Amino acid sequence: MLFSRKAAQVPDAVERRDSPRLDKVFRVYLEGERGMGLGIARNISEGGMFVETRAPQPIGSQVRITFPSDGGEMTCLAEVRYVCHLLGRTPASERGPLALRGMGVRFLYFEADEAGIADAH
């Protein structure tokens, strides 16, 4: 036998992320080629984030994401890098399968707040 079971184990996962993540969950508004909708932003970093949504946009498409807040909105344009549809199982005593649909996006740029620019002058 050339390889033992121990040698055939999968190596530890290598962290490929360049920047730290903010594991905060918040609502965002989405606008893309398949229309408008709501999403839940998760795992945000300087370069992008994951958006949980019922209707992910196609890979490679651009999506406008608006982050609402009491202090005003912030909007960015992002590119969809991947789409995921995960289905998990729960014990029979619970309510049924767990589903997660969403997309990973890479930020392209943030749009200037025109109202904020006008107030500054």
N, C-alpha and C. Protein backbone atom coordinates (compact mmCIF):
# COMPACT_ATOMS: atom_id res chain seq x y z
N MET A 1 0.84 -1.18 0.00
CA MET A 1 0.00 0.00 0.00
C MET A 1 0.89 1.24 0.00
N LEU A 2 0.71 2.10 -0.97
CA LEU A 2 1.54 3.29 -1.09
C LEU A 2 1.14 4.39 -0.12
N PHE A 3 -0.15 4.56 0.12
CA PHE A 3 -0.63 5.63 0.98
C PHE A 3 -1.41 5.04 2.14
N SER A 4 -1.19 5.54 3.31
CA SER A 4 -1.99 5.11 4.46
C SER A 4 -3.22 5.99 4.55
N ARG A 5 -4.20 5.56 5.31
CA ARG A 5 -5.41 6.38 5.51
C ARG A 5 -5.06 7.75 6.06
N LYS A 6 -4.12 7.78 6.98
CA LYS A 6 -3.73 9.05 7.59
C LYS A 6 -3.19 10.02 6.54
N ALA A 7 -2.40 9.55 5.61
CA ALA A 7 -1.83 10.40 4.57
C ALA A 7 -2.88 10.86 3.57
N ALA A 8 -3.98 10.12 3.45
CA ALA A 8 -5.01 10.45 2.47
C ALA A 8 -6.03 11.46 3.00
N GLN A 9 -5.90 11.88 4.26
CA GLN A 9 -6.85 12.83 4.82
C GLN A 9 -6.72 14.18 4.12
N VAL A 10 -7.83 14.89 4.10
CA VAL A 10 -7.85 16.22 3.48
C VAL A 10 -7.08 17.18 4.37
N PRO A 11 -6.17 17.99 3.81
CA PRO A 11 -5.42 18.94 4.62
C PRO A 11 -6.33 20.02 5.18
N ASP A 12 -5.86 20.68 6.22
CA ASP A 12 -6.62 21.79 6.81
C ASP A 12 -6.90 22.85 5.75
N ALA A 13 -8.08 23.46 5.84
CA ALA A 13 -8.46 24.50 4.88
C ALA A 13 -7.53 25.70 5.04
N VAL A 14 -7.16 26.29 3.92
CA VAL A 14 -6.30 27.46 3.91
C VAL A 14 -7.17 28.69 3.77
N GLU A 15 -6.97 29.66 4.64
CA GLU A 15 -7.73 30.91 4.58
C GLU A 15 -7.22 31.74 3.41
N ARG A 16 -8.09 32.02 2.43
CA ARG A 16 -7.70 32.77 1.24
C ARG A 16 -8.14 34.22 1.30
N ARG A 17 -8.87 34.60 2.33
CA ARG A 17 -9.39 35.95 2.43
C ARG A 17 -8.28 36.92 2.79
N ASP A 18 -8.27 38.08 2.11
CA ASP A 18 -7.24 39.08 2.34
C ASP A 18 -7.60 40.06 3.45
N SER A 19 -8.89 40.27 3.69
CA SER A 19 -9.30 41.28 4.66
C SER A 19 -10.25 40.69 5.68
N PRO A 20 -10.32 41.30 6.86
CA PRO A 20 -11.21 40.79 7.90
C PRO A 20 -12.68 40.93 7.51
N ARG A 21 -13.53 40.12 8.14
CA ARG A 21 -14.96 40.10 7.87
C ARG A 21 -15.73 40.70 9.03
N LEU A 22 -16.83 41.38 8.72
CA LEU A 22 -17.76 41.86 9.71
C LEU A 22 -18.95 40.92 9.66
N ASP A 23 -19.15 40.17 10.72
CA ASP A 23 -20.23 39.19 10.73
C ASP A 23 -21.49 39.83 11.31
N LYS A 24 -21.98 40.85 10.64
CA LYS A 24 -23.19 41.58 11.03
C LYS A 24 -24.25 41.28 9.99
N VAL A 25 -25.49 41.17 10.41
CA VAL A 25 -26.59 40.84 9.51
C VAL A 25 -27.50 42.06 9.41
N PHE A 26 -27.79 42.51 8.17
CA PHE A 26 -28.66 43.67 7.98
C PHE A 26 -29.35 43.60 6.63
N ARG A 27 -30.46 44.31 6.52
CA ARG A 27 -31.27 44.32 5.30
C ARG A 27 -30.65 45.22 4.24
N VAL A 28 -30.74 44.78 2.98
CA VAL A 28 -30.31 45.60 1.84
C VAL A 28 -31.37 45.50 0.75
N TYR A 29 -31.39 46.48 -0.12
CA TYR A 29 -32.26 46.47 -1.29
C TYR A 29 -31.41 46.16 -2.51
N LEU A 30 -31.92 45.31 -3.39
CA LEU A 30 -31.17 44.86 -4.56
C LEU A 30 -31.88 45.28 -5.84
N GLU A 31 -31.10 45.66 -6.83
CA GLU A 31 -31.64 45.97 -8.15
C GLU A 31 -30.68 45.41 -9.19
N GLY A 32 -31.20 44.50 -10.05
CA GLY A 32 -30.36 43.87 -11.05
C GLY A 32 -31.16 43.58 -12.30
N GLU A 33 -30.58 42.79 -13.19
CA GLU A 33 -31.23 42.51 -14.47
C GLU A 33 -32.50 41.69 -14.32
N ARG A 34 -32.67 41.02 -13.18
CA ARG A 34 -33.89 40.24 -12.93
C ARG A 34 -34.88 41.00 -12.05
N GLY A 35 -34.70 42.29 -11.89
CA GLY A 35 -35.64 43.09 -11.13
C GLY A 35 -35.10 43.53 -9.78
N MET A 36 -36.04 43.91 -8.91
CA MET A 36 -35.69 44.44 -7.60
C MET A 36 -36.11 43.46 -6.51
N GLY A 37 -35.50 43.58 -5.35
CA GLY A 37 -35.87 42.71 -4.24
C GLY A 37 -35.15 43.08 -2.97
N LEU A 38 -35.40 42.30 -1.95
CA LEU A 38 -34.76 42.48 -0.65
C LEU A 38 -33.73 41.40 -0.43
N GLY A 39 -32.76 41.69 0.40
CA GLY A 39 -31.76 40.70 0.75
C GLY A 39 -31.27 40.92 2.16
N ILE A 40 -30.57 39.95 2.68
CA ILE A 40 -29.94 40.04 3.99
C ILE A 40 -28.44 39.95 3.77
N ALA A 41 -27.75 41.03 4.07
CA ALA A 41 -26.29 41.07 3.91
C ALA A 41 -25.63 40.36 5.07
N ARG A 42 -24.62 39.56 4.74
CA ARG A 42 -23.87 38.80 5.75
C ARG A 42 -22.39 38.79 5.37
N ASN A 43 -21.56 38.63 6.36
CA ASN A 43 -20.14 38.38 6.10
C ASN A 43 -19.52 39.44 5.20
N ILE A 44 -19.65 40.70 5.57
CA ILE A 44 -19.18 41.80 4.74
C ILE A 44 -17.70 42.08 4.99
N SER A 45 -17.00 42.43 3.92
CA SER A 45 -15.58 42.80 4.01
C SER A 45 -15.37 44.03 3.14
N GLU A 46 -14.13 44.46 3.09
CA GLU A 46 -13.79 45.62 2.27
C GLU A 46 -14.06 45.36 0.79
N GLY A 47 -13.93 44.12 0.35
CA GLY A 47 -14.07 43.81 -1.07
C GLY A 47 -15.40 43.27 -1.52
N GLY A 48 -16.25 42.84 -0.59
CA GLY A 48 -17.53 42.27 -1.00
C GLY A 48 -18.29 41.69 0.18
N MET A 49 -19.31 40.90 -0.13
CA MET A 49 -20.14 40.30 0.92
C MET A 49 -21.01 39.20 0.33
N PHE A 50 -21.69 38.50 1.21
CA PHE A 50 -22.68 37.52 0.81
C PHE A 50 -24.05 38.14 1.06
N VAL A 51 -24.97 37.97 0.09
CA VAL A 51 -26.34 38.48 0.25
C VAL A 51 -27.29 37.31 0.13
N GLU A 52 -28.00 37.04 1.21
CA GLU A 52 -29.03 36.01 1.20
C GLU A 52 -30.27 36.61 0.54
N THR A 53 -30.79 35.95 -0.48
CA THR A 53 -31.94 36.45 -1.22
C THR A 53 -32.68 35.30 -1.89
N ARG A 54 -33.97 35.45 -2.05
CA ARG A 54 -34.77 34.41 -2.71
C ARG A 54 -34.49 34.31 -4.20
N ALA A 55 -34.06 35.42 -4.79
CA ALA A 55 -33.84 35.44 -6.24
C ALA A 55 -32.45 35.98 -6.57
N PRO A 56 -31.41 35.16 -6.44
CA PRO A 56 -30.06 35.63 -6.78
C PRO A 56 -29.95 36.03 -8.25
N GLN A 57 -29.14 37.02 -8.51
CA GLN A 57 -28.88 37.47 -9.88
C GLN A 57 -27.86 36.52 -10.52
N PRO A 58 -27.78 36.49 -11.85
CA PRO A 58 -26.84 35.57 -12.53
C PRO A 58 -25.38 35.91 -12.25
N ILE A 59 -24.54 34.89 -12.24
CA ILE A 59 -23.10 35.08 -12.08
C ILE A 59 -22.58 36.00 -13.19
N GLY A 60 -21.75 36.96 -12.82
CA GLY A 60 -21.19 37.90 -13.79
C GLY A 60 -22.02 39.14 -14.00
N SER A 61 -23.26 39.14 -13.54
CA SER A 61 -24.10 40.33 -13.72
C SER A 61 -23.77 41.37 -12.65
N GLN A 62 -24.22 42.59 -12.90
CA GLN A 62 -24.02 43.66 -11.94
C GLN A 62 -25.32 43.92 -11.19
N VAL A 63 -25.17 44.25 -9.92
CA VAL A 63 -26.33 44.49 -9.07
C VAL A 63 -26.07 45.76 -8.26
N ARG A 64 -27.09 46.61 -8.15
CA ARG A 64 -27.01 47.82 -7.33
C ARG A 64 -27.55 47.44 -5.95
N ILE A 65 -26.77 47.70 -4.92
CA ILE A 65 -27.14 47.34 -3.55
C ILE A 65 -27.25 48.62 -2.74
N THR A 66 -28.40 48.79 -2.10
CA THR A 66 -28.62 49.97 -1.25
C THR A 66 -28.68 49.52 0.20
N PHE A 67 -27.88 50.18 1.01
CA PHE A 67 -27.83 49.92 2.45
C PHE A 67 -28.62 51.02 3.14
N PRO A 68 -29.84 50.73 3.61
CA PRO A 68 -30.62 51.77 4.29
C PRO A 68 -30.14 51.97 5.73
N SER A 69 -30.27 53.20 6.23
CA SER A 69 -29.96 53.48 7.63
C SER A 69 -30.69 54.75 8.04
N ASP A 70 -30.75 54.99 9.33
CA ASP A 70 -31.40 56.20 9.83
C ASP A 70 -30.66 57.46 9.39
N GLY A 71 -29.35 57.35 9.21
CA GLY A 71 -28.54 58.50 8.81
C GLY A 71 -28.50 58.74 7.31
N GLY A 72 -29.18 57.93 6.51
CA GLY A 72 -29.17 58.07 5.06
C GLY A 72 -28.74 56.78 4.40
N GLU A 73 -29.03 56.67 3.13
CA GLU A 73 -28.71 55.45 2.38
C GLU A 73 -27.30 55.50 1.81
N MET A 74 -26.74 54.33 1.58
CA MET A 74 -25.48 54.20 0.88
C MET A 74 -25.71 53.16 -0.21
N THR A 75 -25.25 53.43 -1.42
CA THR A 75 -25.49 52.54 -2.56
C THR A 75 -24.17 52.19 -3.23
N CYS A 76 -24.07 50.93 -3.66
CA CYS A 76 -22.87 50.51 -4.39
C CYS A 76 -23.29 49.68 -5.59
N LEU A 77 -22.37 49.56 -6.51
CA LEU A 77 -22.53 48.66 -7.65
C LEU A 77 -21.58 47.50 -7.40
N ALA A 78 -22.09 46.28 -7.57
CA ALA A 78 -21.30 45.09 -7.29
C ALA A 78 -21.47 44.07 -8.41
N GLU A 79 -20.52 43.16 -8.52
CA GLU A 79 -20.57 42.08 -9.50
C GLU A 79 -20.85 40.77 -8.77
N VAL A 80 -21.76 39.98 -9.30
CA VAL A 80 -22.07 38.68 -8.72
C VAL A 80 -20.96 37.71 -9.08
N ARG A 81 -20.30 37.17 -8.04
CA ARG A 81 -19.16 36.26 -8.25
C ARG A 81 -19.57 34.80 -8.14
N TYR A 82 -20.55 34.51 -7.29
CA TYR A 82 -21.05 33.13 -7.17
C TYR A 82 -22.47 33.14 -6.64
N VAL A 83 -23.18 32.08 -6.91
CA VAL A 83 -24.56 31.90 -6.45
C VAL A 83 -24.61 30.57 -5.71
N CYS A 84 -25.33 30.53 -4.60
CA CYS A 84 -25.44 29.26 -3.89
C CYS A 84 -26.88 28.99 -3.49
N HIS A 85 -27.23 27.73 -3.54
CA HIS A 85 -28.53 27.21 -3.12
C HIS A 85 -28.21 26.02 -2.22
N LEU A 86 -28.36 26.18 -0.93
CA LEU A 86 -28.06 25.11 0.01
C LEU A 86 -29.34 24.62 0.65
N LEU A 87 -29.45 23.33 0.81
CA LEU A 87 -30.61 22.72 1.45
C LEU A 87 -30.09 21.79 2.53
N GLY A 88 -30.55 22.01 3.75
CA GLY A 88 -30.13 21.19 4.87
C GLY A 88 -31.32 20.46 5.46
N ARG A 89 -31.05 19.51 6.29
CA ARG A 89 -32.11 18.74 6.94
C ARG A 89 -32.09 19.02 8.44
N THR A 90 -33.27 18.96 9.02
CA THR A 90 -33.41 19.13 10.46
C THR A 90 -34.03 17.86 11.03
N PRO A 91 -33.95 17.70 12.31
CA PRO A 91 -34.63 16.54 12.91
C PRO A 91 -36.13 16.58 12.60
N ALA A 92 -36.75 15.44 12.51
CA ALA A 92 -38.17 15.33 12.14
C ALA A 92 -39.08 16.14 13.05
N SER A 93 -38.67 16.36 14.31
CA SER A 93 -39.52 17.10 15.24
C SER A 93 -39.58 18.59 14.92
N GLU A 94 -38.64 19.07 14.12
CA GLU A 94 -38.66 20.49 13.78
C GLU A 94 -39.46 20.73 12.51
N ARG A 95 -39.44 21.96 12.00
CA ARG A 95 -40.36 22.36 10.95
C ARG A 95 -40.01 21.91 9.53
N GLY A 96 -38.93 21.29 9.30
CA GLY A 96 -38.64 20.84 7.94
C GLY A 96 -37.26 21.25 7.48
N PRO A 97 -37.03 21.24 6.16
CA PRO A 97 -35.68 21.52 5.64
C PRO A 97 -35.30 22.98 5.82
N LEU A 98 -34.02 23.19 5.95
CA LEU A 98 -33.46 24.54 6.01
C LEU A 98 -32.93 24.87 4.62
N ALA A 99 -33.25 26.04 4.13
CA ALA A 99 -32.77 26.43 2.81
C ALA A 99 -32.06 27.77 2.90
N LEU A 100 -31.01 27.93 2.14
CA LEU A 100 -30.28 29.18 2.05
C LEU A 100 -29.99 29.43 0.58
N ARG A 101 -30.45 30.55 0.09
CA ARG A 101 -30.15 30.96 -1.28
C ARG A 101 -29.51 32.33 -1.22
N GLY A 102 -28.55 32.54 -2.07
CA GLY A 102 -27.92 33.86 -2.08
C GLY A 102 -26.81 33.95 -3.09
N MET A 103 -26.05 35.04 -2.96
CA MET A 103 -24.98 35.30 -3.92
C MET A 103 -23.84 36.03 -3.23
N GLY A 104 -22.65 35.72 -3.66
CA GLY A 104 -21.47 36.43 -3.22
C GLY A 104 -21.19 37.53 -4.21
N VAL A 105 -20.98 38.75 -3.72
CA VAL A 105 -20.73 39.88 -4.61
C VAL A 105 -19.40 40.53 -4.29
N ARG A 106 -18.79 41.10 -5.32
CA ARG A 106 -17.56 41.88 -5.19
C ARG A 106 -17.92 43.33 -5.46
N PHE A 107 -17.58 44.22 -4.52
CA PHE A 107 -17.88 45.63 -4.70
C PHE A 107 -17.06 46.20 -5.86
N LEU A 108 -17.73 46.92 -6.76
CA LEU A 108 -17.04 47.60 -7.85
C LEU A 108 -16.77 49.05 -7.46
N TYR A 109 -17.81 49.75 -7.00
CA TYR A 109 -17.64 51.12 -6.49
C TYR A 109 -18.88 51.53 -5.71
N PHE A 110 -18.70 52.54 -4.87
CA PHE A 110 -19.81 53.10 -4.11
C PHE A 110 -20.20 54.41 -4.77
N GLU A 111 -21.50 54.64 -4.88
CA GLU A 111 -22.01 55.84 -5.53
C GLU A 111 -21.96 57.01 -4.56
N ALA A 112 -21.68 58.20 -5.11
CA ALA A 112 -21.65 59.41 -4.29
C ALA A 112 -23.06 59.77 -3.85
N ASP A 113 -23.19 60.26 -2.64
CA ASP A 113 -24.48 60.70 -2.11
C ASP A 113 -24.70 62.13 -2.58
N GLU A 114 -25.53 62.31 -3.61
CA GLU A 114 -25.76 63.61 -4.21
C GLU A 114 -26.33 64.61 -3.19
N ALA A 115 -27.23 64.17 -2.30
CA ALA A 115 -27.81 65.07 -1.31
C ALA A 115 -26.73 65.55 -0.34
N GLY A 116 -25.85 64.64 0.08
CA GLY A 116 -24.77 64.99 0.98
C GLY A 116 -23.78 65.96 0.34
N ILE A 117 -23.51 65.79 -0.94
CA ILE A 117 -22.61 66.70 -1.66
C ILE A 117 -23.24 68.08 -1.75
N ALA A 118 -24.55 68.16 -2.04
CA ALA A 118 -25.23 69.46 -2.15
C ALA A 118 -25.25 70.17 -0.80
N ASP A 119 -25.44 69.43 0.30
CA ASP A 119 -25.46 70.04 1.63
C ASP A 119 -24.09 70.58 2.03
N ALA A 120 -23.03 69.99 1.52
CA ALA A 120 -21.68 70.39 1.88
C ALA A 120 -21.29 71.71 1.25
N HIS A 121 -21.96 72.12 0.18
CA HIS A 121 -21.59 73.36 -0.52
C HIS A 121 -22.45 74.51 -0.14
